Amino acid sequence: MDKEVRDYIDGIPAQHRPLFDRLHRLILEAHPGAAVVISYRIPTYKVGSRRLHVGAWNHGVSLYGWQQGRDAGFATRHPALISGRATIRLRPEDAASLPDDELRDLARAALDD
């Protein structure tokens, strides 16, 4: 992981760091070879031509950038967490009720080439 990514992660507020770390772990479990870079000033996981952007914000953590239909059904099951096109807004309390398998499947579907 390069310094720019490490600096971003180190700067995540303490209340959102556990959620970011969980998503980071699950994305890398789904795609161990994913490159992690900064794009649009947030960490971006790259696998081939696919991208999944993960940013920490005041509410928690948001995921961006997957193509429609490449979310393993996540948007259909959790419409209240969708904010705009291809954006999932996760507050820590929302994520607490989501099993790791569901988030891992989302990452796998978003990044599968």
PDB file of N, CA and C in Angstrom:
ATOM      1  N   MET A   1       0.855  -1.177   0.000  1.00  0.00           N
ATOM      2  CA  MET A   1       0.000   0.000   0.000  1.00  0.00           C
ATOM      3  C   MET A   1       0.898   1.235   0.000  1.00  0.00           C
ATOM      4  N   ASP A   2       0.595   2.175  -0.898  1.00  0.00           N
ATOM      5  CA  ASP A   2       1.467   3.342  -0.989  1.00  0.00           C
ATOM      6  C   ASP A   2       1.172   4.353   0.120  1.00  0.00           C
ATOM      7  N   LYS A   3       2.055   5.320   0.246  1.00  0.00           N
ATOM      8  CA  LYS A   3       1.986   6.306   1.333  1.00  0.00           C
ATOM      9  C   LYS A   3       0.696   7.126   1.284  1.00  0.00           C
ATOM     10  N   GLU A   4       0.257   7.493   0.101  1.00  0.00           N
ATOM     11  CA  GLU A   4      -0.951   8.302  -0.029  1.00  0.00           C
ATOM     12  C   GLU A   4      -2.176   7.564   0.524  1.00  0.00           C
ATOM     13  N   VAL A   5      -2.282   6.288   0.220  1.00  0.00           N
ATOM     14  CA  VAL A   5      -3.386   5.477   0.750  1.00  0.00           C
ATOM     15  C   VAL A   5      -3.243   5.341   2.261  1.00  0.00           C
ATOM     16  N   ARG A   6      -2.040   5.034   2.733  1.00  0.00           N
ATOM     17  CA  ARG A   6      -1.794   4.877   4.167  1.00  0.00           C
ATOM     18  C   ARG A   6      -2.138   6.169   4.909  1.00  0.00           C
ATOM     19  N   ASP A   7      -1.749   7.324   4.361  1.00  0.00           N
ATOM     20  CA  ASP A   7      -2.057   8.608   4.992  1.00  0.00           C
ATOM     21  C   ASP A   7      -3.567   8.835   5.090  1.00  0.00           C
ATOM     22  N   TYR A   8      -4.292   8.486   4.029  1.00  0.00           N
ATOM     23  CA  TYR A   8      -5.746   8.626   4.052  1.00  0.00           C
ATOM     24  C   TYR A   8      -6.332   7.763   5.172  1.00  0.00           C
ATOM     25  N   ILE A   9      -5.945   6.518   5.196  1.00  0.00           N
ATOM     26  CA  ILE A   9      -6.484   5.590   6.201  1.00  0.00           C
ATOM     27  C   ILE A   9      -6.120   6.042   7.608  1.00  0.00           C
ATOM     28  N   ASP A  10      -4.902   6.482   7.794  1.00  0.00           N
ATOM     29  CA  ASP A  10      -4.485   6.960   9.116  1.00  0.00           C
ATOM     30  C   ASP A  10      -5.273   8.188   9.564  1.00  0.00           C
ATOM     31  N   GLY A  11      -5.818   8.950   8.605  1.00  0.00           N
ATOM     32  CA  GLY A  11      -6.568  10.157   8.928  1.00  0.00           C
ATOM     33  C   GLY A  11      -8.058   9.943   9.152  1.00  0.00           C
ATOM     34  N   ILE A  12      -8.529   8.718   9.011  1.00  0.00           N
ATOM     35  CA  ILE A  12      -9.960   8.440   9.216  1.00  0.00           C
ATOM     36  C   ILE A  12     -10.295   8.618  10.697  1.00  0.00           C
ATOM     37  N   PRO A  13     -11.377   9.347  10.999  1.00  0.00           N
ATOM     38  CA  PRO A  13     -11.765   9.540  12.398  1.00  0.00           C
ATOM     39  C   PRO A  13     -11.970   8.203  13.114  1.00  0.00           C
ATOM     40  N   ALA A  14     -11.617   8.182  14.373  1.00  0.00           N
ATOM     41  CA  ALA A  14     -11.659   6.947  15.170  1.00  0.00           C
ATOM     42  C   ALA A  14     -13.029   6.276  15.153  1.00  0.00           C
ATOM     43  N   GLN A  15     -14.112   7.049  15.123  1.00  0.00           N
ATOM     44  CA  GLN A  15     -15.445   6.442  15.162  1.00  0.00           C
ATOM     45  C   GLN A  15     -15.790   5.705  13.867  1.00  0.00           C
ATOM     46  N   HIS A  16     -15.087   5.995  12.766  1.00  0.00           N
ATOM     47  CA  HIS A  16     -15.366   5.337  11.491  1.00  0.00           C
ATOM     48  C   HIS A  16     -14.271   4.366  11.059  1.00  0.00           C
ATOM     49  N   ARG A  17     -13.170   4.385  11.762  1.00  0.00           N
ATOM     50  CA  ARG A  17     -12.055   3.520  11.366  1.00  0.00           C
ATOM     51  C   ARG A  17     -12.389   2.024  11.428  1.00  0.00           C
ATOM     52  N   PRO A  18     -13.090   1.524  12.460  1.00  0.00           N
ATOM     53  CA  PRO A  18     -13.418   0.096  12.470  1.00  0.00           C
ATOM     54  C   PRO A  18     -14.256  -0.329  11.255  1.00  0.00           C
ATOM     55  N   LEU A  19     -15.201   0.503  10.837  1.00  0.00           N
ATOM     56  CA  LEU A  19     -16.012   0.177   9.671  1.00  0.00           C
ATOM     57  C   LEU A  19     -15.159   0.186   8.406  1.00  0.00           C
ATOM     58  N   PHE A  20     -14.319   1.203   8.253  1.00  0.00           N
ATOM     59  CA  PHE A  20     -13.437   1.235   7.083  1.00  0.00           C
ATOM     60  C   PHE A  20     -12.532   0.006   7.075  1.00  0.00           C
ATOM     61  N   ASP A  21     -11.933  -0.311   8.213  1.00  0.00           N
ATOM     62  CA  ASP A  21     -11.031  -1.471   8.286  1.00  0.00           C
ATOM     63  C   ASP A  21     -11.761  -2.767   7.942  1.00  0.00           C
ATOM     64  N   ARG A  22     -12.997  -2.879   8.387  1.00  0.00           N
ATOM     65  CA  ARG A  22     -13.787  -4.079   8.070  1.00  0.00           C
ATOM     66  C   ARG A  22     -14.015  -4.183   6.559  1.00  0.00           C
ATOM     67  N   LEU A  23     -14.433  -3.078   5.942  1.00  0.00           N
ATOM     68  CA  LEU A  23     -14.662  -3.089   4.493  1.00  0.00           C
ATOM     69  C   LEU A  23     -13.369  -3.369   3.734  1.00  0.00           C
ATOM     70  N   HIS A  24     -12.290  -2.767   4.162  1.00  0.00           N
ATOM     71  CA  HIS A  24     -10.977  -2.996   3.531  1.00  0.00           C
ATOM     72  C   HIS A  24     -10.629  -4.482   3.584  1.00  0.00           C
ATOM     73  N   ARG A  25     -10.793  -5.084   4.741  1.00  0.00           N
ATOM     74  CA  ARG A  25     -10.493  -6.518   4.910  1.00  0.00           C
ATOM     75  C   ARG A  25     -11.382  -7.372   4.013  1.00  0.00           C
ATOM     76  N   LEU A  26     -12.667  -7.075   3.972  1.00  0.00           N
ATOM     77  CA  LEU A  26     -13.600  -7.884   3.192  1.00  0.00           C
ATOM     78  C   LEU A  26     -13.366  -7.740   1.687  1.00  0.00           C
ATOM     79  N   ILE A  27     -13.041  -6.539   1.253  1.00  0.00           N
ATOM     80  CA  ILE A  27     -12.737  -6.333  -0.170  1.00  0.00           C
ATOM     81  C   ILE A  27     -11.504  -7.131  -0.553  1.00  0.00           C
ATOM     82  N   LEU A  28     -10.481  -7.088   0.289  1.00  0.00           N
ATOM     83  CA  LEU A  28      -9.254  -7.830  -0.029  1.00  0.00           C
ATOM     84  C   LEU A  28      -9.446  -9.344   0.121  1.00  0.00           C
ATOM     85  N   GLU A  29     -10.368  -9.779   0.959  1.00  0.00           N
ATOM     86  CA  GLU A  29     -10.698 -11.209   1.012  1.00  0.00           C
ATOM     87  C   GLU A  29     -11.371 -11.633  -0.291  1.00  0.00           C
ATOM     88  N   ALA A  30     -12.246 -10.774  -0.828  1.00  0.00           N
ATOM     89  CA  ALA A  30     -12.947 -11.083  -2.071  1.00  0.00           C
ATOM     90  C   ALA A  30     -11.999 -11.032  -3.265  1.00  0.00           C
ATOM     91  N   HIS A  31     -11.033 -10.122  -3.214  1.00  0.00           N
ATOM     92  CA  HIS A  31     -10.070  -9.940  -4.308  1.00  0.00           C
ATOM     93  C   HIS A  31      -8.692  -9.679  -3.720  1.00  0.00           C
ATOM     94  N   PRO A  32      -7.988 -10.716  -3.300  1.00  0.00           N
ATOM     95  CA  PRO A  32      -6.676 -10.530  -2.662  1.00  0.00           C
ATOM     96  C   PRO A  32      -5.665  -9.785  -3.520  1.00  0.00           C
ATOM     97  N   GLY A  33      -5.806  -9.846  -4.826  1.00  0.00           N
ATOM     98  CA  GLY A  33      -4.857  -9.174  -5.709  1.00  0.00           C
ATOM     99  C   GLY A  33      -5.232  -7.749  -6.057  1.00  0.00           C
ATOM    100  N   ALA A  34      -6.289  -7.221  -5.453  1.00  0.00           N
ATOM    101  CA  ALA A  34      -6.717  -5.855  -5.780  1.00  0.00           C
ATOM    102  C   ALA A  34      -5.627  -4.850  -5.432  1.00  0.00           C
ATOM    103  N   ALA A  35      -5.402  -3.925  -6.344  1.00  0.00           N
ATOM    104  CA  ALA A  35      -4.503  -2.802  -6.061  1.00  0.00           C
ATOM    105  C   ALA A  35      -5.310  -1.752  -5.310  1.00  0.00           C
ATOM    106  N   VAL A  36      -4.690  -1.120  -4.336  1.00  0.00           N
ATOM    107  CA  VAL A  36      -5.353  -0.054  -3.584  1.00  0.00           C
ATOM    108  C   VAL A  36      -4.597   1.232  -3.877  1.00  0.00           C
ATOM    109  N   VAL A  37      -5.302   2.190  -4.485  1.00  0.00           N
ATOM    110  CA  VAL A  37      -4.714   3.466  -4.878  1.00  0.00           C
ATOM    111  C   VAL A  37      -5.654   4.589  -4.442  1.00  0.00           C
ATOM    112  N   ILE A  38      -5.201   5.801  -4.581  1.00  0.00           N
ATOM    113  CA  ILE A  38      -6.067   6.954  -4.351  1.00  0.00           C
ATOM    114  C   ILE A  38      -6.597   7.422  -5.702  1.00  0.00           C
ATOM    115  N   SER A  39      -7.909   7.550  -5.787  1.00  0.00           N
ATOM    116  CA  SER A  39      -8.565   8.086  -6.969  1.00  0.00           C
ATOM    117  C   SER A  39      -9.740   8.910  -6.465  1.00  0.00           C
ATOM    118  N   TYR A  40      -9.969  10.061  -7.048  1.00  0.00           N
ATOM    119  CA  TYR A  40     -10.997  10.977  -6.552  1.00  0.00           C
ATOM    120  C   TYR A  40     -10.762  11.305  -5.076  1.00  0.00           C
ATOM    121  N   ARG A  41      -9.511  11.267  -4.674  1.00  0.00           N
ATOM    122  CA  ARG A  41      -9.038  11.603  -3.315  1.00  0.00           C
ATOM    123  C   ARG A  41      -9.522  10.633  -2.236  1.00  0.00           C
ATOM    124  N   ILE A  42      -9.928   9.418  -2.645  1.00  0.00           N
ATOM    125  CA  ILE A  42     -10.306   8.376  -1.687  1.00  0.00           C
ATOM    126  C   ILE A  42      -9.694   7.046  -2.112  1.00  0.00           C
ATOM    127  N   PRO A  43      -9.558   6.099  -1.184  1.00  0.00           N
ATOM    128  CA  PRO A  43      -9.036   4.783  -1.557  1.00  0.00           C
ATOM    129  C   PRO A  43      -9.916   4.107  -2.612  1.00  0.00           C
ATOM    130  N   THR A  44      -9.252   3.522  -3.583  1.00  0.00           N
ATOM    131  CA  THR A  44      -9.926   2.855  -4.687  1.00  0.00           C
ATOM    132  C   THR A  44      -9.289   1.490  -4.887  1.00  0.00           C
ATOM    133  N   TYR A  45     -10.135   0.480  -4.956  1.00  0.00           N
ATOM    134  CA  TYR A  45      -9.691  -0.896  -5.151  1.00  0.00           C
ATOM    135  C   TYR A  45      -9.848  -1.192  -6.637  1.00  0.00           C
ATOM    136  N   LYS A  46      -8.758  -1.644  -7.270  1.00  0.00           N
ATOM    137  CA  LYS A  46      -8.750  -1.880  -8.711  1.00  0.00           C
ATOM    138  C   LYS A  46      -8.468  -3.344  -9.002  1.00  0.00           C
ATOM    139  N   VAL A  47      -9.310  -3.925  -9.855  1.00  0.00           N
ATOM    140  CA  VAL A  47      -9.112  -5.278 -10.353  1.00  0.00           C
ATOM    141  C   VAL A  47      -9.411  -5.216 -11.849  1.00  0.00           C
ATOM    142  N   GLY A  48      -8.408  -5.364 -12.677  1.00  0.00           N
ATOM    143  CA  GLY A  48      -8.610  -5.235 -14.112  1.00  0.00           C
ATOM    144  C   GLY A  48      -9.194  -3.872 -14.431  1.00  0.00           C
ATOM    145  N   SER A  49     -10.300  -3.867 -15.147  1.00  0.00           N
ATOM    146  CA  SER A  49     -10.946  -2.601 -15.505  1.00  0.00           C
ATOM    147  C   SER A  49     -11.972  -2.144 -14.465  1.00  0.00           C
ATOM    148  N   ARG A  50     -12.172  -2.901 -13.408  1.00  0.00           N
ATOM    149  CA  ARG A  50     -13.172  -2.576 -12.383  1.00  0.00           C
ATOM    150  C   ARG A  50     -12.573  -1.723 -11.271  1.00  0.00           C
ATOM    151  N   ARG A  51     -13.437  -0.897 -10.678  1.00  0.00           N
ATOM    152  CA  ARG A  51     -13.040  -0.015  -9.581  1.00  0.00           C
ATOM    153  C   ARG A  51     -14.128  -0.028  -8.523  1.00  0.00           C
ATOM    154  N   LEU A  52     -13.705   0.064  -7.256  1.00  0.00           N
ATOM    155  CA  LEU A  52     -14.618   0.264  -6.137  1.00  0.00           C
ATOM    156  C   LEU A  52     -13.971   1.303  -5.235  1.00  0.00           C
ATOM    157  N   HIS A  53     -14.621   2.450  -5.110  1.00  0.00           N
ATOM    158  CA  HIS A  53     -14.111   3.563  -4.306  1.00  0.00           C
ATOM    159  C   HIS A  53     -14.735   3.484  -2.917  1.00  0.00           C
ATOM    160  N   VAL A  54     -13.934   3.718  -1.884  1.00  0.00           N
ATOM    161  CA  VAL A  54     -14.413   3.633  -0.502  1.00  0.00           C
ATOM    162  C   VAL A  54     -13.915   4.861   0.255  1.00  0.00           C
ATOM    163  N   GLY A  55     -14.842   5.709   0.669  1.00  0.00           N
ATOM    164  CA  GLY A  55     -14.455   6.938   1.356  1.00  0.00           C
ATOM    165  C   GLY A  55     -15.105   7.065   2.716  1.00  0.00           C
ATOM    166  N   ALA A  56     -14.368   7.613   3.660  1.00  0.00           N
ATOM    167  CA  ALA A  56     -14.892   7.891   5.004  1.00  0.00           C
ATOM    168  C   ALA A  56     -15.403   9.329   5.033  1.00  0.00           C
ATOM    169  N   TRP A  57     -16.614   9.501   5.547  1.00  0.00           N
ATOM    170  CA  TRP A  57     -17.249  10.811   5.608  1.00  0.00           C
ATOM    171  C   TRP A  57     -17.842  11.009   6.998  1.00  0.00           C
ATOM    172  N   ASN A  58     -18.531  12.127   7.194  1.00  0.00           N
ATOM    173  CA  ASN A  58     -19.117  12.423   8.506  1.00  0.00           C
ATOM    174  C   ASN A  58     -20.101  11.351   8.960  1.00  0.00           C
ATOM    175  N   HIS A  59     -20.869  10.760   8.043  1.00  0.00           N
ATOM    176  CA  HIS A  59     -21.884   9.770   8.407  1.00  0.00           C
ATOM    177  C   HIS A  59     -21.294   8.397   8.662  1.00  0.00           C
ATOM    178  N   GLY A  60     -20.157   8.105   8.071  1.00  0.00           N
ATOM    179  CA  GLY A  60     -19.560   6.770   8.155  1.00  0.00           C
ATOM    180  C   GLY A  60     -18.686   6.519   6.947  1.00  0.00           C
ATOM    181  N   VAL A  61     -19.030   5.496   6.154  1.00  0.00           N
ATOM    182  CA  VAL A  61     -18.236   5.126   4.989  1.00  0.00           C
ATOM    183  C   VAL A  61     -19.177   4.939   3.800  1.00  0.00           C
ATOM    184  N   SER A  62     -18.747   5.415   2.635  1.00  0.00           N
ATOM    185  CA  SER A  62     -19.521   5.231   1.409  1.00  0.00           C
ATOM    186  C   SER A  62     -18.722   4.419   0.411  1.00  0.00           C
ATOM    187  N   LEU A  63     -19.438   3.627  -0.377  1.00  0.00           N
ATOM    188  CA  LEU A  63     -18.849   2.845  -1.465  1.00  0.00           C
ATOM    189  C   LEU A  63     -19.442   3.372  -2.765  1.00  0.00           C
ATOM    190  N   TYR A  64     -18.581   3.515  -3.771  1.00  0.00           N
ATOM    191  CA  TYR A  64     -18.994   4.086  -5.053  1.00  0.00           C
ATOM    192  C   TYR A  64     -18.412   3.283  -6.210  1.00  0.00           C
ATOM    193  N   GLY A  65     -19.047   3.438  -7.359  1.00  0.00           N
ATOM    194  CA  GLY A  65     -18.385   3.122  -8.598  1.00  0.00           C
ATOM    195  C   GLY A  65     -18.641   1.778  -9.240  1.00  0.00           C
ATOM    196  N   TRP A  66     -19.475   0.936  -8.676  1.00  0.00           N
ATOM    197  CA  TRP A  66     -19.729  -0.332  -9.359  1.00  0.00           C
ATOM    198  C   TRP A  66     -20.760  -0.084 -10.450  1.00  0.00           C
ATOM    199  N   GLN A  67     -20.771  -0.940 -11.446  1.00  0.00           N
ATOM    200  CA  GLN A  67     -21.750  -0.826 -12.522  1.00  0.00           C
ATOM    201  C   GLN A  67     -23.086  -1.389 -12.068  1.00  0.00           C
ATOM    202  N   GLN A  68     -24.166  -0.818 -12.595  1.00  0.00           N
ATOM    203  CA  GLN A  68     -25.508  -1.277 -12.239  1.00  0.00           C
ATOM    204  C   GLN A  68     -25.622  -2.781 -12.476  1.00  0.00           C
ATOM    205  N   GLY A  69     -26.208  -3.462 -11.505  1.00  0.00           N
ATOM    206  CA  GLY A  69     -26.378  -4.896 -11.601  1.00  0.00           C
ATOM    207  C   GLY A  69     -25.176  -5.689 -11.124  1.00  0.00           C
ATOM    208  N   ARG A  70     -24.125  -5.006 -10.695  1.00  0.00           N
ATOM    209  CA  ARG A  70     -22.910  -5.681 -10.227  1.00  0.00           C
ATOM    210  C   ARG A  70     -22.744  -5.456  -8.722  1.00  0.00           C
ATOM    211  N   ASP A  71     -23.837  -5.680  -7.974  1.00  0.00           N
ATOM    212  CA  ASP A  71     -23.795  -5.481  -6.527  1.00  0.00           C
ATOM    213  C   ASP A  71     -24.294  -6.700  -5.758  1.00  0.00           C
ATOM    214  N   ALA A  72     -24.437  -7.841  -6.438  1.00  0.00           N
ATOM    215  CA  ALA A  72     -24.902  -9.093  -5.817  1.00  0.00           C
ATOM    216  C   ALA A  72     -26.265  -8.925  -5.146  1.00  0.00           C
ATOM    217  N   GLY A  73     -27.097  -8.024  -5.686  1.00  0.00           N
ATOM    218  CA  GLY A  73     -28.432  -7.815  -5.147  1.00  0.00           C
ATOM    219  C   GLY A  73     -28.491  -6.917  -3.921  1.00  0.00           C
ATOM    220  N   PHE A  74     -27.374  -6.315  -3.548  1.00  0.00           N
ATOM    221  CA  PHE A  74     -27.315  -5.495  -2.335  1.00  0.00           C
ATOM    222  C   PHE A  74     -28.333  -4.353  -2.374  1.00  0.00           C
ATOM    223  N   ALA A  75     -28.391  -3.614  -3.481  1.00  0.00           N
ATOM    224  CA  ALA A  75     -29.283  -2.451  -3.582  1.00  0.00           C
ATOM    225  C   ALA A  75     -30.747  -2.861  -3.449  1.00  0.00           C
ATOM    226  N   THR A  76     -31.103  -3.999  -3.973  1.00  0.00           N
ATOM    227  CA  THR A  76     -32.482  -4.489  -3.881  1.00  0.00           C
ATOM    228  C   THR A  76     -32.832  -4.844  -2.436  1.00  0.00           C
ATOM    229  N   ARG A  77     -31.896  -5.460  -1.737  1.00  0.00           N
ATOM    230  CA  ARG A  77     -32.147  -5.869  -0.349  1.00  0.00           C
ATOM    231  C   ARG A  77     -32.065  -4.704   0.637  1.00  0.00           C
ATOM    232  N   HIS A  78     -31.310  -3.657   0.283  1.00  0.00           N
ATOM    233  CA  HIS A  78     -31.083  -2.545   1.225  1.00  0.00           C
ATOM    234  C   HIS A  78     -31.278  -1.191   0.542  1.00  0.00           C
ATOM    235  N   PRO A  79     -32.460  -0.920   0.000  1.00  0.00           N
ATOM    236  CA  PRO A  79     -32.654   0.331  -0.736  1.00  0.00           C
ATOM    237  C   PRO A  79     -32.435   1.584   0.114  1.00  0.00           C
ATOM    238  N   ALA A  80     -32.654   1.508   1.402  1.00  0.00           N
ATOM    239  CA  ALA A  80     -32.462   2.676   2.267  1.00  0.00           C
ATOM    240  C   ALA A  80     -30.996   3.091   2.371  1.00  0.00           C
ATOM    241  N   LEU A  81     -30.077   2.188   2.025  1.00  0.00           N
ATOM    242  CA  LEU A  81     -28.650   2.506   2.113  1.00  0.00           C
ATOM    243  C   LEU A  81     -28.104   3.078   0.804  1.00  0.00           C
ATOM    244  N   ILE A  82     -28.923   3.092  -0.238  1.00  0.00           N
ATOM    245  CA  ILE A  82     -28.489   3.595  -1.530  1.00  0.00           C
ATOM    246  C   ILE A  82     -28.736   5.099  -1.568  1.00  0.00           C
ATOM    247  N   SER A  83     -27.723   5.832  -1.965  1.00  0.00           N
ATOM    248  CA  SER A  83     -27.809   7.287  -2.053  1.00  0.00           C
ATOM    249  C   SER A  83     -27.268   7.695  -3.420  1.00  0.00           C
ATOM    250  N   GLY A  84     -28.147   7.978  -4.322  1.00  0.00           N
ATOM    251  CA  GLY A  84     -27.713   8.328  -5.668  1.00  0.00           C
ATOM    252  C   GLY A  84     -27.342   7.089  -6.464  1.00  0.00           C
ATOM    253  N   ARG A  85     -26.816   7.323  -7.616  1.00  0.00           N
ATOM    254  CA  ARG A  85     -26.480   6.224  -8.526  1.00  0.00           C
ATOM    255  C   ARG A  85     -25.193   5.547  -8.080  1.00  0.00           C
ATOM    256  N   ALA A  86     -25.260   4.268  -7.812  1.00  0.00           N
ATOM    257  CA  ALA A  86     -24.088   3.457  -7.461  1.00  0.00           C
ATOM    258  C   ALA A  86     -23.345   3.995  -6.231  1.00  0.00           C
ATOM    259  N   THR A  87     -24.100   4.428  -5.232  1.00  0.00           N
ATOM    260  CA  THR A  87     -23.505   4.888  -3.977  1.00  0.00           C
ATOM    261  C   THR A  87     -24.213   4.213  -2.814  1.00  0.00           C
ATOM    262  N   ILE A  88     -23.423   3.623  -1.937  1.00  0.00           N
ATOM    263  CA  ILE A  88     -23.948   3.038  -0.704  1.00  0.00           C
ATOM    264  C   ILE A  88     -23.392   3.854   0.453  1.00  0.00           C
ATOM    265  N   ARG A  89     -24.271   4.361   1.276  1.00  0.00           N
ATOM    266  CA  ARG A  89     -23.869   5.115   2.467  1.00  0.00           C
ATOM    267  C   ARG A  89     -24.083   4.232   3.684  1.00  0.00           C
ATOM    268  N   LEU A  90     -22.992   3.876   4.338  1.00  0.00           N
ATOM    269  CA  LEU A  90     -23.060   3.016   5.515  1.00  0.00           C
ATOM    270  C   LEU A  90     -22.687   3.792   6.768  1.00  0.00           C
ATOM    271  N   ARG A  91     -23.611   3.873   7.679  1.00  0.00           N
ATOM    272  CA  ARG A  91     -23.294   4.378   9.007  1.00  0.00           C
ATOM    273  C   ARG A  91     -22.875   3.166   9.829  1.00  0.00           C
ATOM    274  N   PRO A  92     -22.081   3.340  10.849  1.00  0.00           N
ATOM    275  CA  PRO A  92     -21.656   2.196  11.656  1.00  0.00           C
ATOM    276  C   PRO A  92     -22.829   1.355  12.151  1.00  0.00           C
ATOM    277  N   GLU A  93     -23.935   2.007  12.543  1.00  0.00           N
ATOM    278  CA  GLU A  93     -25.081   1.254  13.049  1.00  0.00           C
ATOM    279  C   GLU A  93     -25.765   0.453  11.931  1.00  0.00           C
ATOM    280  N   ASP A  94     -25.734   0.953  10.689  1.00  0.00           N
ATOM    281  CA  ASP A  94     -26.276   0.188   9.558  1.00  0.00           C
ATOM    282  C   ASP A  94     -25.414  -1.038   9.282  1.00  0.00           C
ATOM    283  N   ALA A  95     -24.120  -0.822   9.243  1.00  0.00           N
ATOM    284  CA  ALA A  95     -23.183  -1.897   8.907  1.00  0.00           C
ATOM    285  C   ALA A  95     -23.182  -2.994   9.968  1.00  0.00           C
ATOM    286  N   ALA A  96     -23.495  -2.644  11.203  1.00  0.00           N
ATOM    287  CA  ALA A  96     -23.472  -3.636  12.280  1.00  0.00           C
ATOM    288  C   ALA A  96     -24.456  -4.773  12.023  1.00  0.00           C
ATOM    289  N   SER A  97     -25.531  -4.495  11.303  1.00  0.00           N
ATOM    290  CA  SER A  97     -26.524  -5.539  11.041  1.00  0.00           C
ATOM    291  C   SER A  97     -26.254  -6.308   9.744  1.00  0.00           C
ATOM    292  N   LEU A  98     -25.219  -5.924   9.009  1.00  0.00           N
ATOM    293  CA  LEU A  98     -24.900  -6.597   7.742  1.00  0.00           C
ATOM    294  C   LEU A  98     -23.841  -7.668   7.975  1.00  0.00           C
ATOM    295  N   PRO A  99     -24.115  -8.892   7.553  1.00  0.00           N
ATOM    296  CA  PRO A  99     -23.110  -9.949   7.713  1.00  0.00           C
ATOM    297  C   PRO A  99     -21.924  -9.720   6.772  1.00  0.00           C
ATOM    298  N   ASP A 100     -20.760 -10.179   7.194  1.00  0.00           N
ATOM    299  CA  ASP A 100     -19.562 -10.060   6.370  1.00  0.00           C
ATOM    300  C   ASP A 100     -19.768 -10.658   4.988  1.00  0.00           C
ATOM    301  N   ASP A 101     -20.460 -11.789   4.908  1.00  0.00           N
ATOM    302  CA  ASP A 101     -20.667 -12.435   3.606  1.00  0.00           C
ATOM    303  C   ASP A 101     -21.373 -11.511   2.619  1.00  0.00           C
ATOM    304  N   GLU A 102     -22.322 -10.735   3.097  1.00  0.00           N
ATOM    305  CA  GLU A 102     -23.058  -9.850   2.197  1.00  0.00           C
ATOM    306  C   GLU A 102     -22.158  -8.735   1.657  1.00  0.00           C
ATOM    307  N   LEU A 103     -21.343  -8.167   2.522  1.00  0.00           N
ATOM    308  CA  LEU A 103     -20.426  -7.116   2.072  1.00  0.00           C
ATOM    309  C   LEU A 103     -19.320  -7.690   1.189  1.00  0.00           C
ATOM    310  N   ARG A 104     -18.850  -8.874   1.515  1.00  0.00           N
ATOM    311  CA  ARG A 104     -17.823  -9.535   0.693  1.00  0.00           C
ATOM    312  C   ARG A 104     -18.382  -9.854  -0.691  1.00  0.00           C
ATOM    313  N   ASP A 105     -19.638 -10.335  -0.740  1.00  0.00           N
ATOM    314  CA  ASP A 105     -20.281 -10.627  -2.026  1.00  0.00           C
ATOM    315  C   ASP A 105     -20.447  -9.364  -2.861  1.00  0.00           C
ATOM    316  N   LEU A 106     -20.785  -8.267  -2.223  1.00  0.00           N
ATOM    317  CA  LEU A 106     -20.891  -6.983  -2.916  1.00  0.00           C
ATOM    318  C   LEU A 106     -19.548  -6.628  -3.555  1.00  0.00           C
ATOM    319  N   ALA A 107     -18.485  -6.718  -2.780  1.00  0.00           N
ATOM    320  CA  ALA A 107     -17.148  -6.409  -3.300  1.00  0.00           C
ATOM    321  C   ALA A 107     -16.770  -7.353  -4.436  1.00  0.00           C
ATOM    322  N   ARG A 108     -17.060  -8.607  -4.278  1.00  0.00           N
ATOM    323  CA  ARG A 108     -16.733  -9.600  -5.320  1.00  0.00           C
ATOM    324  C   ARG A 108     -17.469  -9.261  -6.613  1.00  0.00           C
ATOM    325  N   ALA A 109     -18.771  -8.986  -6.517  1.00  0.00           N
ATOM    326  CA  ALA A 109     -19.570  -8.672  -7.706  1.00  0.00           C
ATOM    327  C   ALA A 109     -19.119  -7.372  -8.359  1.00  0.00           C
ATOM    328  N   ALA A 110     -18.809  -6.379  -7.543  1.00  0.00           N
ATOM    329  CA  ALA A 110     -18.390  -5.088  -8.091  1.00  0.00           C
ATOM    330  C   ALA A 110     -17.056  -5.166  -8.812  1.00  0.00           C
ATOM    331  N   LEU A 111     -16.157  -6.030  -8.349  1.00  0.00           N
ATOM    332  CA  LEU A 111     -14.802  -6.063  -8.900  1.00  0.00           C
ATOM    333  C   LEU A 111     -14.527  -7.235  -9.829  1.00  0.00           C
ATOM    334  N   ASP A 112     -15.430  -8.193  -9.912  1.00  0.00           N
ATOM    335  CA  ASP A 112     -15.190  -9.311 -10.837  1.00  0.00           C
ATOM    336  C   ASP A 112     -15.114  -8.783 -12.256  1.00  0.00           C
ATOM    337  N   ASP A 113     -14.113  -9.241 -12.967  1.00  0.00           N
ATOM    338  CA  ASP A 113     -13.942  -8.807 -14.363  1.00  0.00           C
ATOM    339  C   ASP A 113     -14.645  -9.719 -15.317  1.00  0.00           C
TER     340      ASP A 113
END
